[in-house]
Amino acid sequence: MHCWGLYHRRYGLSEAISIAGAPSEHSAAVETMLAGERGRQQRLKALLRADLRSAPWVENEALFPCYKLFEFCDTLALWWHATHYALRVPVAFAHVPGADGTDIAVGVVPTGPHTARVSPYPFWPPAVELRCEMRAVHPAMEDAGFARRLAASQWREDRLLLTP
């Protein structure tokens, strides 16, 4: 769902990304890949529906809140990793499923290089530290040499402390 959703405005939840942004020289390959993803989704749903224990998992009432939670985690990770901490700005993540079944917007405000305040706060315990092994590279206007720069960079642990 994630891969297909990235090319289809996250199933209508975002205006940020769509298949229209794919380079025209790659459109046939993208369409083939997306058709394969849809077929895989259908096969997996059929397998899950065949078992009474997992059948409810693929109904939209259960599936879409899980998809929305995944997308919240994905976009939070992109906010954290794709922007240098000095350039991060407050952001609101829309369409996060709330406890009562309605969607809410979760705001994230950077408070330091490795800290951010979240409201409403969706986690337990009162502070959550996210950790990730990563290699950082400086952005460039062109991709030339990117693989070499990435391979030459050192692994390090990055962390982000989320608080209410």
N, C-alpha and C. Protein backbone atom coordinates (compact mmCIF):
# COMPACT_ATOMS: atom_id res chain seq x y z
N MET A 1 0.83 -1.19 0.00
CA MET A 1 0.00 0.00 0.00
C MET A 1 0.87 1.26 0.00
N HIS A 2 1.97 1.18 0.73
CA HIS A 2 2.84 2.36 0.82
C HIS A 2 3.40 2.74 -0.55
N CYS A 3 3.93 1.77 -1.25
CA CYS A 3 4.54 2.05 -2.56
C CYS A 3 3.49 2.60 -3.53
N TRP A 4 2.34 1.95 -3.62
CA TRP A 4 1.29 2.41 -4.52
C TRP A 4 0.80 3.79 -4.08
N GLY A 5 0.64 3.96 -2.76
CA GLY A 5 0.16 5.23 -2.23
C GLY A 5 1.08 6.39 -2.52
N LEU A 6 2.39 6.14 -2.54
CA LEU A 6 3.33 7.23 -2.83
C LEU A 6 3.09 7.84 -4.21
N TYR A 7 2.66 7.04 -5.15
CA TYR A 7 2.42 7.53 -6.50
C TYR A 7 0.98 8.00 -6.70
N HIS A 8 0.13 7.84 -5.70
CA HIS A 8 -1.28 8.21 -5.83
C HIS A 8 -1.72 9.06 -4.64
N ARG A 9 -0.91 10.05 -4.36
CA ARG A 9 -1.22 11.04 -3.32
C ARG A 9 -1.62 10.39 -2.00
N ARG A 10 -0.91 9.30 -1.67
CA ARG A 10 -1.15 8.57 -0.42
C ARG A 10 -2.63 8.29 -0.23
N TYR A 11 -3.22 7.72 -1.27
CA TYR A 11 -4.64 7.35 -1.28
C TYR A 11 -5.54 8.57 -1.01
N GLY A 12 -5.13 9.71 -1.51
CA GLY A 12 -5.92 10.92 -1.34
C GLY A 12 -5.66 11.64 -0.03
N LEU A 13 -4.70 11.19 0.75
CA LEU A 13 -4.42 11.81 2.05
C LEU A 13 -3.39 12.93 1.95
N SER A 14 -2.74 13.08 0.80
CA SER A 14 -1.68 14.08 0.65
C SER A 14 -1.68 14.63 -0.76
N GLU A 15 -1.32 15.86 -0.87
CA GLU A 15 -1.13 16.48 -2.18
C GLU A 15 0.34 16.51 -2.57
N ALA A 16 1.20 16.03 -1.68
CA ALA A 16 2.64 16.20 -1.85
C ALA A 16 3.23 15.36 -2.97
N ILE A 17 2.78 14.15 -3.14
CA ILE A 17 3.41 13.23 -4.09
C ILE A 17 2.35 12.58 -4.96
N SER A 18 2.65 12.47 -6.25
CA SER A 18 1.73 11.75 -7.13
C SER A 18 2.52 11.19 -8.31
N ILE A 19 1.86 10.32 -9.05
CA ILE A 19 2.50 9.71 -10.22
C ILE A 19 2.83 10.76 -11.27
N ALA A 20 2.15 11.89 -11.21
CA ALA A 20 2.42 12.96 -12.17
C ALA A 20 3.85 13.46 -12.05
N GLY A 21 4.49 13.24 -10.90
CA GLY A 21 5.85 13.70 -10.71
C GLY A 21 6.91 12.76 -11.26
N ALA A 22 6.51 11.59 -11.73
CA ALA A 22 7.48 10.63 -12.26
C ALA A 22 8.01 11.12 -13.61
N PRO A 23 9.31 11.02 -13.86
CA PRO A 23 9.86 11.43 -15.15
C PRO A 23 9.22 10.62 -16.28
N SER A 24 8.89 11.28 -17.39
CA SER A 24 8.18 10.62 -18.48
C SER A 24 8.94 9.42 -19.03
N GLU A 25 10.27 9.47 -19.02
CA GLU A 25 11.04 8.33 -19.56
C GLU A 25 10.92 7.09 -18.68
N HIS A 26 10.42 7.27 -17.46
CA HIS A 26 10.27 6.13 -16.54
C HIS A 26 8.80 5.73 -16.35
N SER A 27 7.88 6.42 -17.00
CA SER A 27 6.46 6.20 -16.73
C SER A 27 6.01 4.77 -17.00
N ALA A 28 6.49 4.14 -18.07
CA ALA A 28 6.10 2.75 -18.35
C ALA A 28 6.58 1.81 -17.25
N ALA A 29 7.81 2.00 -16.79
CA ALA A 29 8.34 1.15 -15.72
C ALA A 29 7.58 1.39 -14.42
N VAL A 30 7.25 2.63 -14.15
CA VAL A 30 6.50 2.95 -12.94
C VAL A 30 5.12 2.31 -13.01
N GLU A 31 4.44 2.43 -14.13
CA GLU A 31 3.11 1.82 -14.30
C GLU A 31 3.17 0.31 -14.12
N THR A 32 4.20 -0.33 -14.67
CA THR A 32 4.36 -1.78 -14.52
C THR A 32 4.57 -2.15 -13.06
N MET A 33 5.43 -1.41 -12.40
CA MET A 33 5.69 -1.66 -10.98
C MET A 33 4.42 -1.49 -10.16
N LEU A 34 3.66 -0.43 -10.43
CA LEU A 34 2.44 -0.17 -9.66
C LEU A 34 1.37 -1.23 -9.92
N ALA A 35 1.26 -1.70 -11.15
CA ALA A 35 0.32 -2.78 -11.46
C ALA A 35 0.72 -4.04 -10.68
N GLY A 36 2.00 -4.31 -10.61
CA GLY A 36 2.48 -5.44 -9.83
C GLY A 36 2.16 -5.29 -8.35
N GLU A 37 2.29 -4.08 -7.84
CA GLU A 37 1.97 -3.83 -6.43
C GLU A 37 0.48 -4.04 -6.16
N ARG A 38 -0.36 -3.57 -7.06
CA ARG A 38 -1.81 -3.78 -6.88
C ARG A 38 -2.13 -5.27 -6.91
N GLY A 39 -1.51 -6.00 -7.84
CA GLY A 39 -1.72 -7.45 -7.90
C GLY A 39 -1.25 -8.13 -6.62
N ARG A 40 -0.13 -7.71 -6.10
CA ARG A 40 0.39 -8.28 -4.85
C ARG A 40 -0.55 -7.98 -3.70
N GLN A 41 -1.08 -6.76 -3.64
CA GLN A 41 -2.05 -6.42 -2.61
C GLN A 41 -3.26 -7.34 -2.68
N GLN A 42 -3.77 -7.55 -3.88
CA GLN A 42 -4.95 -8.41 -4.05
C GLN A 42 -4.66 -9.85 -3.61
N ARG A 43 -3.48 -10.37 -3.97
CA ARG A 43 -3.11 -11.73 -3.56
C ARG A 43 -2.99 -11.83 -2.04
N LEU A 44 -2.34 -10.86 -1.43
CA LEU A 44 -2.17 -10.89 0.02
C LEU A 44 -3.51 -10.77 0.74
N LYS A 45 -4.37 -9.90 0.26
CA LYS A 45 -5.70 -9.76 0.87
C LYS A 45 -6.50 -11.05 0.74
N ALA A 46 -6.40 -11.70 -0.40
CA ALA A 46 -7.11 -12.97 -0.59
C ALA A 46 -6.61 -14.03 0.40
N LEU A 47 -5.28 -14.09 0.60
CA LEU A 47 -4.73 -15.03 1.57
C LEU A 47 -5.21 -14.72 2.99
N LEU A 48 -5.22 -13.46 3.35
CA LEU A 48 -5.66 -13.07 4.69
C LEU A 48 -7.16 -13.30 4.87
N ARG A 49 -7.94 -13.05 3.85
CA ARG A 49 -9.39 -13.28 3.94
C ARG A 49 -9.74 -14.76 4.05
N ALA A 50 -8.86 -15.63 3.58
CA ALA A 50 -9.11 -17.07 3.62
C ALA A 50 -9.03 -17.62 5.05
N ASP A 51 -8.45 -16.89 5.97
CA ASP A 51 -8.33 -17.32 7.36
C ASP A 51 -9.24 -16.44 8.20
N LEU A 52 -10.18 -17.05 8.92
CA LEU A 52 -11.13 -16.27 9.70
C LEU A 52 -10.45 -15.38 10.75
N ARG A 53 -9.28 -15.80 11.23
CA ARG A 53 -8.58 -14.98 12.23
C ARG A 53 -8.01 -13.71 11.64
N SER A 54 -7.54 -13.75 10.39
CA SER A 54 -6.92 -12.57 9.78
C SER A 54 -7.85 -11.83 8.81
N ALA A 55 -8.98 -12.40 8.49
CA ALA A 55 -9.89 -11.76 7.53
C ALA A 55 -10.26 -10.32 7.92
N PRO A 56 -10.55 -10.04 9.19
CA PRO A 56 -10.91 -8.66 9.54
C PRO A 56 -9.80 -7.64 9.30
N TRP A 57 -8.55 -8.10 9.26
CA TRP A 57 -7.43 -7.18 9.11
C TRP A 57 -7.43 -6.45 7.78
N VAL A 58 -8.04 -7.02 6.74
CA VAL A 58 -7.96 -6.42 5.41
C VAL A 58 -9.22 -5.63 5.05
N GLU A 59 -10.14 -5.52 5.98
CA GLU A 59 -11.29 -4.66 5.75
C GLU A 59 -10.87 -3.22 5.99
N ASN A 60 -11.43 -2.30 5.22
CA ASN A 60 -11.00 -0.90 5.29
C ASN A 60 -11.06 -0.31 6.70
N GLU A 61 -12.03 -0.76 7.53
CA GLU A 61 -12.15 -0.22 8.89
C GLU A 61 -10.90 -0.51 9.72
N ALA A 62 -10.23 -1.61 9.45
CA ALA A 62 -8.99 -1.95 10.16
C ALA A 62 -7.75 -1.57 9.37
N LEU A 63 -7.81 -1.76 8.08
CA LEU A 63 -6.63 -1.57 7.23
C LEU A 63 -6.22 -0.10 7.11
N PHE A 64 -7.19 0.79 6.87
CA PHE A 64 -6.82 2.18 6.62
C PHE A 64 -6.27 2.92 7.85
N PRO A 65 -6.81 2.69 9.05
CA PRO A 65 -6.14 3.31 10.20
C PRO A 65 -4.69 2.84 10.35
N CYS A 66 -4.43 1.57 10.07
CA CYS A 66 -3.04 1.08 10.13
C CYS A 66 -2.19 1.75 9.05
N TYR A 67 -2.74 1.90 7.85
CA TYR A 67 -2.02 2.58 6.78
C TYR A 67 -1.72 4.02 7.19
N LYS A 68 -2.69 4.70 7.77
CA LYS A 68 -2.49 6.09 8.19
C LYS A 68 -1.43 6.20 9.28
N LEU A 69 -1.42 5.25 10.21
CA LEU A 69 -0.38 5.26 11.24
C LEU A 69 1.00 5.04 10.63
N PHE A 70 1.07 4.12 9.67
CA PHE A 70 2.34 3.89 8.98
C PHE A 70 2.79 5.16 8.27
N GLU A 71 1.89 5.82 7.58
CA GLU A 71 2.24 7.05 6.86
C GLU A 71 2.67 8.16 7.82
N PHE A 72 2.05 8.23 9.00
CA PHE A 72 2.49 9.21 10.00
C PHE A 72 3.94 8.91 10.40
N CYS A 73 4.24 7.66 10.68
CA CYS A 73 5.61 7.28 11.06
C CYS A 73 6.58 7.56 9.91
N ASP A 74 6.16 7.26 8.69
CA ASP A 74 7.03 7.49 7.53
C ASP A 74 7.32 8.97 7.33
N THR A 75 6.29 9.79 7.38
CA THR A 75 6.50 11.22 7.14
C THR A 75 7.24 11.87 8.31
N LEU A 76 7.02 11.38 9.54
CA LEU A 76 7.80 11.87 10.68
C LEU A 76 9.28 11.52 10.48
N ALA A 77 9.55 10.31 10.02
CA ALA A 77 10.94 9.92 9.77
C ALA A 77 11.56 10.77 8.66
N LEU A 78 10.81 11.09 7.63
CA LEU A 78 11.32 11.95 6.56
C LEU A 78 11.60 13.35 7.10
N TRP A 79 10.70 13.87 7.92
CA TRP A 79 10.91 15.20 8.52
C TRP A 79 12.20 15.19 9.33
N TRP A 80 12.43 14.12 10.07
CA TRP A 80 13.60 14.01 10.93
C TRP A 80 14.88 13.83 10.12
N HIS A 81 14.87 12.96 9.12
CA HIS A 81 16.09 12.60 8.42
C HIS A 81 16.41 13.43 7.18
N ALA A 82 15.41 13.99 6.54
CA ALA A 82 15.65 14.65 5.26
C ALA A 82 15.99 16.13 5.39
N THR A 83 15.91 16.65 6.60
CA THR A 83 16.19 18.07 6.80
C THR A 83 17.17 18.23 7.95
N HIS A 84 18.22 18.99 7.71
CA HIS A 84 19.18 19.29 8.77
C HIS A 84 18.43 19.92 9.95
N TYR A 85 18.84 19.57 11.17
CA TYR A 85 18.09 20.04 12.34
C TYR A 85 17.97 21.55 12.39
N ALA A 86 18.96 22.28 11.91
CA ALA A 86 18.90 23.74 11.95
C ALA A 86 17.85 24.30 11.00
N LEU A 87 17.41 23.50 10.06
CA LEU A 87 16.43 23.96 9.07
C LEU A 87 15.03 23.41 9.32
N ARG A 88 14.87 22.56 10.33
CA ARG A 88 13.54 21.99 10.61
C ARG A 88 12.61 23.08 11.13
N VAL A 89 11.38 23.02 10.66
CA VAL A 89 10.35 23.96 11.08
C VAL A 89 9.18 23.15 11.65
N PRO A 90 8.33 23.80 12.46
CA PRO A 90 7.16 23.10 12.96
C PRO A 90 6.32 22.56 11.81
N VAL A 91 5.71 21.40 12.04
CA VAL A 91 4.92 20.76 11.01
C VAL A 91 3.71 20.11 11.66
N ALA A 92 2.63 19.98 10.89
CA ALA A 92 1.43 19.27 11.34
C ALA A 92 1.21 18.08 10.41
N PHE A 93 1.13 16.91 10.98
CA PHE A 93 0.86 15.69 10.21
C PHE A 93 -0.64 15.41 10.28
N ALA A 94 -1.30 15.52 9.15
CA ALA A 94 -2.75 15.33 9.09
C ALA A 94 -3.08 13.85 8.94
N HIS A 95 -4.32 13.53 9.17
CA HIS A 95 -4.87 12.19 8.94
C HIS A 95 -4.25 11.11 9.82
N VAL A 96 -3.91 11.48 11.06
CA VAL A 96 -3.44 10.49 12.02
C VAL A 96 -4.67 9.98 12.76
N PRO A 97 -4.89 8.66 12.76
CA PRO A 97 -6.09 8.14 13.43
C PRO A 97 -6.05 8.40 14.93
N GLY A 98 -7.11 9.01 15.43
CA GLY A 98 -7.23 9.24 16.87
C GLY A 98 -7.86 8.04 17.55
N ALA A 99 -7.83 8.05 18.88
CA ALA A 99 -8.36 6.93 19.66
C ALA A 99 -9.85 6.72 19.41
N ASP A 100 -10.57 7.78 19.07
CA ASP A 100 -12.02 7.65 18.86
C ASP A 100 -12.38 7.30 17.42
N GLY A 101 -11.36 7.05 16.59
CA GLY A 101 -11.63 6.66 15.20
C GLY A 101 -11.64 7.81 14.21
N THR A 102 -11.59 9.04 14.69
CA THR A 102 -11.53 10.17 13.77
C THR A 102 -10.08 10.56 13.54
N ASP A 103 -9.82 11.21 12.44
CA ASP A 103 -8.47 11.67 12.13
C ASP A 103 -8.17 12.95 12.87
N ILE A 104 -6.92 13.07 13.30
CA ILE A 104 -6.46 14.29 13.95
C ILE A 104 -5.19 14.75 13.25
N ALA A 105 -4.79 15.96 13.52
CA ALA A 105 -3.49 16.47 13.07
C ALA A 105 -2.56 16.46 14.27
N VAL A 106 -1.38 15.89 14.08
CA VAL A 106 -0.38 15.84 15.14
C VAL A 106 0.70 16.86 14.80
N GLY A 107 0.89 17.82 15.69
CA GLY A 107 1.90 18.85 15.48
C GLY A 107 3.23 18.44 16.08
N VAL A 108 4.31 18.75 15.37
CA VAL A 108 5.66 18.49 15.85
C VAL A 108 6.46 19.79 15.74
N VAL A 109 7.03 20.20 16.86
CA VAL A 109 7.79 21.45 16.92
C VAL A 109 9.21 21.11 17.36
N PRO A 110 10.21 21.42 16.53
CA PRO A 110 11.59 21.16 16.95
C PRO A 110 11.95 22.05 18.12
N THR A 111 12.63 21.46 19.12
CA THR A 111 13.04 22.23 20.30
C THR A 111 14.55 22.18 20.51
N GLY A 112 15.25 21.48 19.63
CA GLY A 112 16.70 21.37 19.71
C GLY A 112 17.19 20.42 18.63
N PRO A 113 18.49 20.20 18.54
CA PRO A 113 19.02 19.34 17.48
C PRO A 113 18.48 17.91 17.51
N HIS A 114 18.14 17.42 18.72
CA HIS A 114 17.69 16.04 18.86
C HIS A 114 16.41 15.93 19.67
N THR A 115 15.62 17.00 19.69
CA THR A 115 14.39 17.00 20.49
C THR A 115 13.26 17.68 19.73
N ALA A 116 12.05 17.22 20.03
CA ALA A 116 10.86 17.84 19.45
C ALA A 116 9.68 17.65 20.40
N ARG A 117 8.78 18.61 20.37
CA ARG A 117 7.55 18.56 21.16
C ARG A 117 6.41 18.12 20.24
N VAL A 118 5.58 17.22 20.72
CA VAL A 118 4.49 16.64 19.92
C VAL A 118 3.17 16.95 20.60
N SER A 119 2.17 17.41 19.79
CA SER A 119 0.86 17.72 20.34
C SER A 119 -0.24 17.43 19.30
N PRO A 120 -1.29 16.75 19.68
CA PRO A 120 -1.42 16.02 20.94
C PRO A 120 -0.43 14.87 20.99
N TYR A 121 0.00 14.54 22.18
CA TYR A 121 1.05 13.55 22.37
C TYR A 121 0.45 12.15 22.27
N PRO A 122 0.86 11.35 21.27
CA PRO A 122 0.19 10.06 21.05
C PRO A 122 0.91 8.85 21.66
N PHE A 123 1.98 9.07 22.40
CA PHE A 123 2.81 7.94 22.84
C PHE A 123 2.72 7.72 24.34
N TRP A 124 3.11 6.55 24.73
CA TRP A 124 3.36 6.24 26.13
C TRP A 124 4.66 5.49 26.17
N PRO A 125 5.61 5.87 26.92
CA PRO A 125 5.64 6.75 28.08
C PRO A 125 5.73 8.23 27.71
N PRO A 126 5.86 9.09 28.72
CA PRO A 126 5.85 10.54 28.48
C PRO A 126 6.99 11.08 27.64
N ALA A 127 8.01 10.29 27.40
CA ALA A 127 9.07 10.70 26.48
C ALA A 127 9.48 9.46 25.69
N VAL A 128 9.60 9.63 24.38
CA VAL A 128 9.98 8.51 23.51
C VAL A 128 11.23 8.92 22.75
N GLU A 129 12.27 8.08 22.87
CA GLU A 129 13.50 8.35 22.13
C GLU A 129 13.56 7.41 20.93
N LEU A 130 13.63 7.99 19.75
CA LEU A 130 13.79 7.22 18.52
C LEU A 130 15.28 7.18 18.19
N ARG A 131 15.76 6.02 17.78
CA ARG A 131 17.17 5.87 17.42
C ARG A 131 17.27 5.24 16.04
N CYS A 132 18.30 5.65 15.32
CA CYS A 132 18.47 5.14 13.96
C CYS A 132 19.95 5.17 13.60
N GLU A 133 20.43 4.07 13.03
CA GLU A 133 21.78 4.05 12.47
C GLU A 133 21.70 4.70 11.09
N MET A 134 22.61 5.61 10.82
CA MET A 134 22.52 6.35 9.55
C MET A 134 23.90 6.77 9.08
N ARG A 135 23.95 7.15 7.82
CA ARG A 135 25.11 7.80 7.23
C ARG A 135 24.60 9.09 6.62
N ALA A 136 25.23 10.18 6.95
CA ALA A 136 24.80 11.48 6.46
C ALA A 136 25.68 11.91 5.29
N VAL A 137 25.06 12.49 4.29
CA VAL A 137 25.78 13.07 3.17
C VAL A 137 25.22 14.46 2.93
N HIS A 138 26.07 15.34 2.46
CA HIS A 138 25.62 16.68 2.14
C HIS A 138 24.85 16.65 0.83
N PRO A 139 23.76 17.38 0.76
CA PRO A 139 23.00 17.40 -0.48
C PRO A 139 23.79 18.05 -1.61
N ALA A 140 23.50 17.60 -2.81
CA ALA A 140 24.15 18.17 -3.99
C ALA A 140 23.09 18.43 -5.04
N MET A 141 23.37 19.34 -5.94
CA MET A 141 22.43 19.66 -7.00
C MET A 141 22.31 18.53 -8.02
N GLU A 142 23.32 17.68 -8.10
CA GLU A 142 23.31 16.57 -9.04
C GLU A 142 23.57 15.28 -8.29
N ASP A 143 23.16 14.16 -8.87
CA ASP A 143 23.39 12.86 -8.24
C ASP A 143 24.78 12.32 -8.53
N ALA A 144 25.54 12.96 -9.40
CA ALA A 144 26.89 12.48 -9.75
C ALA A 144 27.73 12.38 -8.49
N GLY A 145 28.25 11.19 -8.23
CA GLY A 145 29.11 10.98 -7.08
C GLY A 145 28.38 10.68 -5.79
N PHE A 146 27.06 10.65 -5.81
CA PHE A 146 26.30 10.41 -4.59
C PHE A 146 26.64 9.06 -3.97
N ALA A 147 26.64 8.00 -4.79
CA ALA A 147 26.93 6.66 -4.27
C ALA A 147 28.32 6.61 -3.64
N ARG A 148 29.28 7.26 -4.25
CA ARG A 148 30.63 7.29 -3.72
C ARG A 148 30.66 8.05 -2.39
N ARG A 149 30.00 9.20 -2.33
CA ARG A 149 29.97 9.98 -1.09
C ARG A 149 29.26 9.21 0.03
N LEU A 150 28.18 8.53 -0.32
CA LEU A 150 27.45 7.75 0.68
C LEU A 150 28.32 6.60 1.20
N ALA A 151 28.97 5.87 0.30
CA ALA A 151 29.82 4.75 0.72
C ALA A 151 30.99 5.21 1.57
N ALA A 152 31.47 6.42 1.34
CA ALA A 152 32.62 6.93 2.09
C ALA A 152 32.23 7.52 3.44
N SER A 153 30.94 7.79 3.64
CA SER A 153 30.53 8.40 4.90
C SER A 153 30.50 7.36 6.02
N GLN A 154 30.65 7.84 7.25
CA GLN A 154 30.71 6.98 8.42
C GLN A 154 29.30 6.73 8.99
N TRP A 155 29.09 5.51 9.47
CA TRP A 155 27.85 5.21 10.17
C TRP A 155 27.86 5.91 11.52
N ARG A 156 26.69 6.39 11.93
CA ARG A 156 26.57 6.97 13.26
C ARG A 156 25.13 6.77 13.74
N GLU A 157 24.95 6.88 15.02
CA GLU A 157 23.60 6.77 15.57
C GLU A 157 22.99 8.16 15.63
N ASP A 158 21.78 8.27 15.16
CA ASP A 158 21.03 9.51 15.30
C ASP A 158 19.88 9.22 16.26
N ARG A 159 19.48 10.24 16.99
CA ARG A 159 18.38 10.04 17.92
C ARG A 159 17.50 11.27 17.93
N LEU A 160 16.25 11.04 18.28
CA LEU A 160 15.27 12.12 18.39
C LEU A 160 14.40 11.83 19.60
N LEU A 161 14.37 12.75 20.55
CA LEU A 161 13.55 12.62 21.76
C LEU A 161 12.26 13.39 21.54
N LEU A 162 11.15 12.68 21.62
CA LEU A 162 9.83 13.28 21.46
C LEU A 162 9.18 13.41 22.84
N THR A 163 8.67 14.61 23.13
CA THR A 163 8.01 14.88 24.42
C THR A 163 6.70 15.58 24.19
N PRO A 164 5.82 15.55 25.21
CA PRO A 164 4.55 16.27 25.08
C PRO A 164 4.75 17.79 25.09
